[in-house]
């Protein structure tokens, strides 16, 4: 099942970024967990803040690092 998650990244902007995650049975349980994601040419670790909505050009989450928040 594909889920969409909003991730807060350690960047100097007050914005969250939405990524696709194919392994989430219940995306609400991932809120507060750390996620490794691609951002431009970098790989960043952020925090899942909420379920998200699909957007054009969305990238996949590389890895969820935590089982619980």
PDB file of N, CA and C in Angstrom:
ATOM      1  N   UNK A   1       0.842  -1.182   0.000  1.00  0.00           N
ATOM      2  CA  UNK A   1       0.000   0.000   0.000  1.00  0.00           C
ATOM      3  C   UNK A   1       0.887   1.245   0.000  1.00  0.00           C
ATOM      4  N   UNK A   2       0.575   2.181  -0.857  1.00  0.00           N
ATOM      5  CA  UNK A   2       1.338   3.419  -0.956  1.00  0.00           C
ATOM      6  C   UNK A   2       0.722   4.474  -0.035  1.00  0.00           C
ATOM      7  N   UNK A   3       1.577   5.123   0.741  1.00  0.00           N
ATOM      8  CA  UNK A   3       1.140   6.220   1.608  1.00  0.00           C
ATOM      9  C   UNK A   3       1.945   7.466   1.259  1.00  0.00           C
ATOM     10  N   UNK A   4       1.419   8.606   1.627  1.00  0.00           N
ATOM     11  CA  UNK A   4       2.093   9.880   1.412  1.00  0.00           C
ATOM     12  C   UNK A   4       2.299  10.519   2.774  1.00  0.00           C
ATOM     13  N   UNK A   5       3.546  10.950   3.030  1.00  0.00           N
ATOM     14  CA  UNK A   5       3.892  11.481   4.340  1.00  0.00           C
ATOM     15  C   UNK A   5       4.530  12.851   4.212  1.00  0.00           C
ATOM     16  N   UNK A   6       4.128  13.770   5.068  1.00  0.00           N
ATOM     17  CA  UNK A   6       4.747  15.098   5.128  1.00  0.00           C
ATOM     18  C   UNK A   6       5.907  15.038   6.099  1.00  0.00           C
ATOM     19  N   UNK A   7       7.068  15.511   5.638  1.00  0.00           N
ATOM     20  CA  UNK A   7       8.312  15.411   6.406  1.00  0.00           C
ATOM     21  C   UNK A   7       8.861  16.813   6.660  1.00  0.00           C
ATOM     22  N   UNK A   8       9.189  17.095   7.913  1.00  0.00           N
ATOM     23  CA  UNK A   8       9.895  18.334   8.268  1.00  0.00           C
ATOM     24  C   UNK A   8      11.385  18.051   8.149  1.00  0.00           C
ATOM     25  N   UNK A   9      12.088  18.876   7.380  1.00  0.00           N
ATOM     26  CA  UNK A   9      13.513  18.689   7.146  1.00  0.00           C
ATOM     27  C   UNK A   9      14.320  19.801   7.820  1.00  0.00           C
ATOM     28  N   UNK A  10      15.577  19.533   8.153  1.00  0.00           N
ATOM     29  CA  UNK A  10      16.414  20.548   8.812  1.00  0.00           C
ATOM     30  C   UNK A  10      16.919  21.585   7.808  1.00  0.00           C
ATOM     31  N   UNK A  11      16.014  22.428   7.374  1.00  0.00           N
ATOM     32  CA  UNK A  11      16.296  23.476   6.395  1.00  0.00           C
ATOM     33  C   UNK A  11      15.798  24.807   6.941  1.00  0.00           C
ATOM     34  N   UNK A  12      16.351  25.919   6.466  1.00  0.00           N
ATOM     35  CA  UNK A  12      15.924  27.235   6.982  1.00  0.00           C
ATOM     36  C   UNK A  12      14.631  27.745   6.324  1.00  0.00           C
ATOM     37  N   UNK A  13      13.631  26.860   6.211  1.00  0.00           N
ATOM     38  CA  UNK A  13      12.317  27.236   5.682  1.00  0.00           C
ATOM     39  C   UNK A  13      11.248  26.640   6.586  1.00  0.00           C
ATOM     40  N   UNK A  14      10.121  27.328   6.678  1.00  0.00           N
ATOM     41  CA  UNK A  14       9.006  26.815   7.473  1.00  0.00           C
ATOM     42  C   UNK A  14       8.026  26.134   6.526  1.00  0.00           C
ATOM     43  N   UNK A  15       8.405  24.948   6.086  1.00  0.00           N
ATOM     44  CA  UNK A  15       7.622  24.214   5.107  1.00  0.00           C
ATOM     45  C   UNK A  15       7.884  22.730   5.319  1.00  0.00           C
ATOM     46  N   UNK A  16       6.883  21.909   5.044  1.00  0.00           N
ATOM     47  CA  UNK A  16       7.085  20.458   5.050  1.00  0.00           C
ATOM     48  C   UNK A  16       7.082  19.972   3.607  1.00  0.00           C
ATOM     49  N   UNK A  17       7.691  18.823   3.376  1.00  0.00           N
ATOM     50  CA  UNK A  17       7.808  18.259   2.043  1.00  0.00           C
ATOM     51  C   UNK A  17       7.168  16.880   2.050  1.00  0.00           C
ATOM     52  N   UNK A  18       6.425  16.566   1.002  1.00  0.00           N
ATOM     53  CA  UNK A  18       5.689  15.310   0.945  1.00  0.00           C
ATOM     54  C   UNK A  18       6.443  14.281   0.119  1.00  0.00           C
ATOM     55  N   UNK A  19       6.510  13.072   0.671  1.00  0.00           N
ATOM     56  CA  UNK A  19       7.193  11.950   0.032  1.00  0.00           C
ATOM     57  C   UNK A  19       6.271  10.736   0.008  1.00  0.00           C
ATOM     58  N   UNK A  20       6.567   9.830  -0.905  1.00  0.00           N
ATOM     59  CA  UNK A  20       5.804   8.593  -1.052  1.00  0.00           C
ATOM     60  C   UNK A  20       6.512   7.482  -0.263  1.00  0.00           C
ATOM     61  N   UNK A  21       5.706   6.647   0.415  1.00  0.00           N
ATOM     62  CA  UNK A  21       6.257   5.514   1.161  1.00  0.00           C
ATOM     63  C   UNK A  21       5.399   4.300   0.858  1.00  0.00           C
ATOM     64  N   UNK A  22       5.997   3.245   0.353  1.00  0.00           N
ATOM     65  CA  UNK A  22       5.245   2.089  -0.121  1.00  0.00           C
ATOM     66  C   UNK A  22       4.984   1.031   0.935  1.00  0.00           C
ATOM     67  N   UNK A  23       5.527   1.173   2.126  1.00  0.00           N
ATOM     68  CA  UNK A  23       5.434   0.103   3.114  1.00  0.00           C
ATOM     69  C   UNK A  23       4.581   0.455   4.327  1.00  0.00           C
ATOM     70  N   UNK A  24       3.875   1.541   4.286  1.00  0.00           N
ATOM     71  CA  UNK A  24       3.115   1.976   5.468  1.00  0.00           C
ATOM     72  C   UNK A  24       1.718   1.368   5.463  1.00  0.00           C
ATOM     73  N   UNK A  25       1.434   0.542   6.457  1.00  0.00           N
ATOM     74  CA  UNK A  25       0.084   0.012   6.625  1.00  0.00           C
ATOM     75  C   UNK A  25      -0.812   1.068   7.283  1.00  0.00           C
ATOM     76  N   UNK A  26      -0.248   1.797   8.227  1.00  0.00           N
ATOM     77  CA  UNK A  26      -0.989   2.819   8.955  1.00  0.00           C
ATOM     78  C   UNK A  26      -0.088   4.049   9.088  1.00  0.00           C
ATOM     79  N   UNK A  27      -0.170   5.006   8.150  1.00  0.00           N
ATOM     80  CA  UNK A  27       0.749   6.141   8.159  1.00  0.00           C
ATOM     81  C   UNK A  27       0.682   7.007   9.421  1.00  0.00           C
ATOM     82  N   UNK A  28      -0.452   7.012  10.117  1.00  0.00           N
ATOM     83  CA  UNK A  28      -0.563   7.816  11.338  1.00  0.00           C
ATOM     84  C   UNK A  28       0.399   7.325  12.418  1.00  0.00           C
ATOM     85  N   UNK A  29       0.745   6.033  12.413  1.00  0.00           N
ATOM     86  CA  UNK A  29       1.665   5.491  13.405  1.00  0.00           C
ATOM     87  C   UNK A  29       3.102   5.933  13.167  1.00  0.00           C
ATOM     88  N   UNK A  30       3.389   6.502  11.992  1.00  0.00           N
ATOM     89  CA  UNK A  30       4.744   6.951  11.681  1.00  0.00           C
ATOM     90  C   UNK A  30       5.004   8.397  12.092  1.00  0.00           C
ATOM     91  N   UNK A  31       3.969   9.118  12.520  1.00  0.00           N
ATOM     92  CA  UNK A  31       4.152  10.507  12.935  1.00  0.00           C
ATOM     93  C   UNK A  31       5.129  10.556  14.110  1.00  0.00           C
ATOM     94  N   UNK A  32       6.162  11.378  13.968  1.00  0.00           N
ATOM     95  CA  UNK A  32       7.205  11.501  14.980  1.00  0.00           C
ATOM     96  C   UNK A  32       8.427  10.638  14.706  1.00  0.00           C
ATOM     97  N   UNK A  33       8.341   9.755  13.731  1.00  0.00           N
ATOM     98  CA  UNK A  33       9.488   8.900  13.384  1.00  0.00           C
ATOM     99  C   UNK A  33      10.422   9.634  12.432  1.00  0.00           C
ATOM    100  N   UNK A  34      11.699   9.289  12.473  1.00  0.00           N
ATOM    101  CA  UNK A  34      12.672   9.881  11.567  1.00  0.00           C
ATOM    102  C   UNK A  34      12.636   9.165  10.224  1.00  0.00           C
ATOM    103  N   UNK A  35      12.823   9.934   9.144  1.00  0.00           N
ATOM    104  CA  UNK A  35      12.816   9.387   7.797  1.00  0.00           C
ATOM    105  C   UNK A  35      14.011   9.927   7.012  1.00  0.00           C
ATOM    106  N   UNK A  36      14.642   9.061   6.237  1.00  0.00           N
ATOM    107  CA  UNK A  36      15.746   9.457   5.360  1.00  0.00           C
ATOM    108  C   UNK A  36      15.153   9.669   3.965  1.00  0.00           C
ATOM    109  N   UNK A  37      15.395  10.871   3.397  1.00  0.00           N
ATOM    110  CA  UNK A  37      14.783  11.228   2.116  1.00  0.00           C
ATOM    111  C   UNK A  37      15.790  11.925   1.199  1.00  0.00           C
ATOM    112  N   UNK A  38      15.558  11.822  -0.114  1.00  0.00           N
ATOM    113  CA  UNK A  38      16.384  12.597  -1.037  1.00  0.00           C
ATOM    114  C   UNK A  38      15.881  14.038  -1.085  1.00  0.00           C
ATOM    115  N   UNK A  39      16.806  14.977  -1.148  1.00  0.00           N
ATOM    116  CA  UNK A  39      16.440  16.391  -1.286  1.00  0.00           C
ATOM    117  C   UNK A  39      17.470  17.034  -2.207  1.00  0.00           C
ATOM    118  N   UNK A  40      17.091  17.235  -3.456  1.00  0.00           N
ATOM    119  CA  UNK A  40      18.050  17.712  -4.444  1.00  0.00           C
ATOM    120  C   UNK A  40      19.145  16.676  -4.610  1.00  0.00           C
ATOM    121  N   UNK A  41      20.393  17.102  -4.479  1.00  0.00           N
ATOM    122  CA  UNK A  41      21.530  16.184  -4.579  1.00  0.00           C
ATOM    123  C   UNK A  41      21.939  15.605  -3.231  1.00  0.00           C
ATOM    124  N   UNK A  42      21.211  15.970  -2.184  1.00  0.00           N
ATOM    125  CA  UNK A  42      21.555  15.535  -0.833  1.00  0.00           C
ATOM    126  C   UNK A  42      20.601  14.459  -0.330  1.00  0.00           C
ATOM    127  N   UNK A  43      21.025  13.791   0.715  1.00  0.00           N
ATOM    128  CA  UNK A  43      20.176  12.871   1.467  1.00  0.00           C
ATOM    129  C   UNK A  43      20.042  13.478   2.862  1.00  0.00           C
ATOM    130  N   UNK A  44      18.804  13.712   3.306  1.00  0.00           N
ATOM    131  CA  UNK A  44      18.558  14.341   4.604  1.00  0.00           C
ATOM    132  C   UNK A  44      17.721  13.437   5.493  1.00  0.00           C
ATOM    133  N   UNK A  45      17.842  13.654   6.792  1.00  0.00           N
ATOM    134  CA  UNK A  45      16.994  12.966   7.767  1.00  0.00           C
ATOM    135  C   UNK A  45      16.038  13.991   8.348  1.00  0.00           C
ATOM    136  N   UNK A  46      14.744  13.683   8.255  1.00  0.00           N
ATOM    137  CA  UNK A  46      13.716  14.564   8.780  1.00  0.00           C
ATOM    138  C   UNK A  46      12.771  13.798   9.688  1.00  0.00           C
ATOM    139  N   UNK A  47      11.686  14.452  10.070  1.00  0.00           N
ATOM    140  CA  UNK A  47      10.699  13.863  10.972  1.00  0.00           C
ATOM    141  C   UNK A  47       9.334  13.879  10.286  1.00  0.00           C
ATOM    142  N   UNK A  48       8.641  12.747  10.347  1.00  0.00           N
ATOM    143  CA  UNK A  48       7.278  12.652   9.798  1.00  0.00           C
ATOM    144  C   UNK A  48       6.364  13.479  10.691  1.00  0.00           C
ATOM    145  N   UNK A  49       5.638  14.446  10.086  1.00  0.00           N
ATOM    146  CA  UNK A  49       4.757  15.297  10.880  1.00  0.00           C
ATOM    147  C   UNK A  49       3.277  15.026  10.640  1.00  0.00           C
ATOM    148  N   UNK A  50       2.943  14.411   9.494  1.00  0.00           N
ATOM    149  CA  UNK A  50       1.537  14.116   9.215  1.00  0.00           C
ATOM    150  C   UNK A  50       1.425  13.295   7.942  1.00  0.00           C
ATOM    151  N   UNK A  51       0.257  12.670   7.732  1.00  0.00           N
ATOM    152  CA  UNK A  51       0.011  12.085   6.414  1.00  0.00           C
ATOM    153  C   UNK A  51      -0.044  13.228   5.398  1.00  0.00           C
ATOM    154  N   UNK A  52       0.292  12.947   4.160  1.00  0.00           N
ATOM    155  CA  UNK A  52       0.311  13.991   3.140  1.00  0.00           C
ATOM    156  C   UNK A  52      -0.603  13.673   1.977  1.00  0.00           C
ATOM    157  N   UNK A  53      -0.654  14.572   1.039  1.00  0.00           N
ATOM    158  CA  UNK A  53      -1.430  14.405  -0.190  1.00  0.00           C
ATOM    159  C   UNK A  53      -0.463  14.250  -1.353  1.00  0.00           C
ATOM    160  N   UNK A  54      -0.802  13.422  -2.345  1.00  0.00           N
ATOM    161  CA  UNK A  54       0.108  13.244  -3.483  1.00  0.00           C
ATOM    162  C   UNK A  54       0.284  14.539  -4.274  1.00  0.00           C
ATOM    163  N   UNK A  55       1.516  14.766  -4.727  1.00  0.00           N
ATOM    164  CA  UNK A  55       1.829  15.917  -5.574  1.00  0.00           C
ATOM    165  C   UNK A  55       2.682  15.438  -6.750  1.00  0.00           C
ATOM    166  N   UNK A  56       2.701  16.196  -7.810  1.00  0.00           N
ATOM    167  CA  UNK A  56       3.464  15.845  -9.005  1.00  0.00           C
ATOM    168  C   UNK A  56       4.964  15.858  -8.717  1.00  0.00           C
ATOM    169  N   UNK A  57       5.685  14.868  -9.221  1.00  0.00           N
ATOM    170  CA  UNK A  57       7.130  14.825  -9.058  1.00  0.00           C
ATOM    171  C   UNK A  57       7.592  14.334  -7.705  1.00  0.00           C
ATOM    172  N   UNK A  58       6.713  13.690  -6.974  1.00  0.00           N
ATOM    173  CA  UNK A  58       7.025  13.229  -5.626  1.00  0.00           C
ATOM    174  C   UNK A  58       8.102  12.149  -5.650  1.00  0.00           C
ATOM    175  N   UNK A  59       8.992  12.188  -4.669  1.00  0.00           N
ATOM    176  CA  UNK A  59      10.051  11.185  -4.542  1.00  0.00           C
ATOM    177  C   UNK A  59       9.710  10.219  -3.417  1.00  0.00           C
ATOM    178  N   UNK A  60      10.412   9.090  -3.406  1.00  0.00           N
ATOM    179  CA  UNK A  60      10.181   8.061  -2.396  1.00  0.00           C
ATOM    180  C   UNK A  60      11.051   8.273  -1.166  1.00  0.00           C
ATOM    181  N   UNK A  61      10.510   7.913  -0.009  1.00  0.00           N
ATOM    182  CA  UNK A  61      11.297   7.865   1.222  1.00  0.00           C
ATOM    183  C   UNK A  61      12.300   6.736   1.071  1.00  0.00           C
ATOM    184  N   UNK A  62      13.540   6.989   1.451  1.00  0.00           N
ATOM    185  CA  UNK A  62      14.580   5.968   1.375  1.00  0.00           C
ATOM    186  C   UNK A  62      14.421   4.958   2.505  1.00  0.00           C
ATOM    187  N   UNK A  63      14.211   5.471   3.726  1.00  0.00           N
ATOM    188  CA  UNK A  63      14.121   4.583   4.879  1.00  0.00           C
ATOM    189  C   UNK A  63      13.436   5.294   6.045  1.00  0.00           C
ATOM    190  N   UNK A  64      12.624   4.567   6.780  1.00  0.00           N
ATOM    191  CA  UNK A  64      12.090   5.029   8.066  1.00  0.00           C
ATOM    192  C   UNK A  64      13.016   4.446   9.140  1.00  0.00           C
ATOM    193  N   UNK A  65      13.602   5.307   9.966  1.00  0.00           N
ATOM    194  CA  UNK A  65      14.625   4.859  10.922  1.00  0.00           C
ATOM    195  C   UNK A  65      14.072   4.325  12.233  1.00  0.00           C
ATOM    196  N   UNK A  66      12.858   4.714  12.595  1.00  0.00           N
ATOM    197  CA  UNK A  66      12.307   4.349  13.900  1.00  0.00           C
ATOM    198  C   UNK A  66      11.049   3.511  13.753  1.00  0.00           C
ATOM    199  N   UNK A  67      10.830   2.600  14.713  1.00  0.00           N
ATOM    200  CA  UNK A  67       9.592   1.833  14.754  1.00  0.00           C
ATOM    201  C   UNK A  67       8.494   2.604  15.484  1.00  0.00           C
ATOM    202  N   UNK A  68       8.904   3.450  16.423  1.00  0.00           N
ATOM    203  CA  UNK A  68       7.965   4.274  17.179  1.00  0.00           C
ATOM    204  C   UNK A  68       8.533   5.681  17.273  1.00  0.00           C
ATOM    205  N   UNK A  69       7.667   6.666  17.512  1.00  0.00           N
ATOM    206  CA  UNK A  69       8.168   8.049  17.616  1.00  0.00           C
ATOM    207  C   UNK A  69       9.098   8.256  18.795  1.00  0.00           C
TER     208      UNK A  69
END
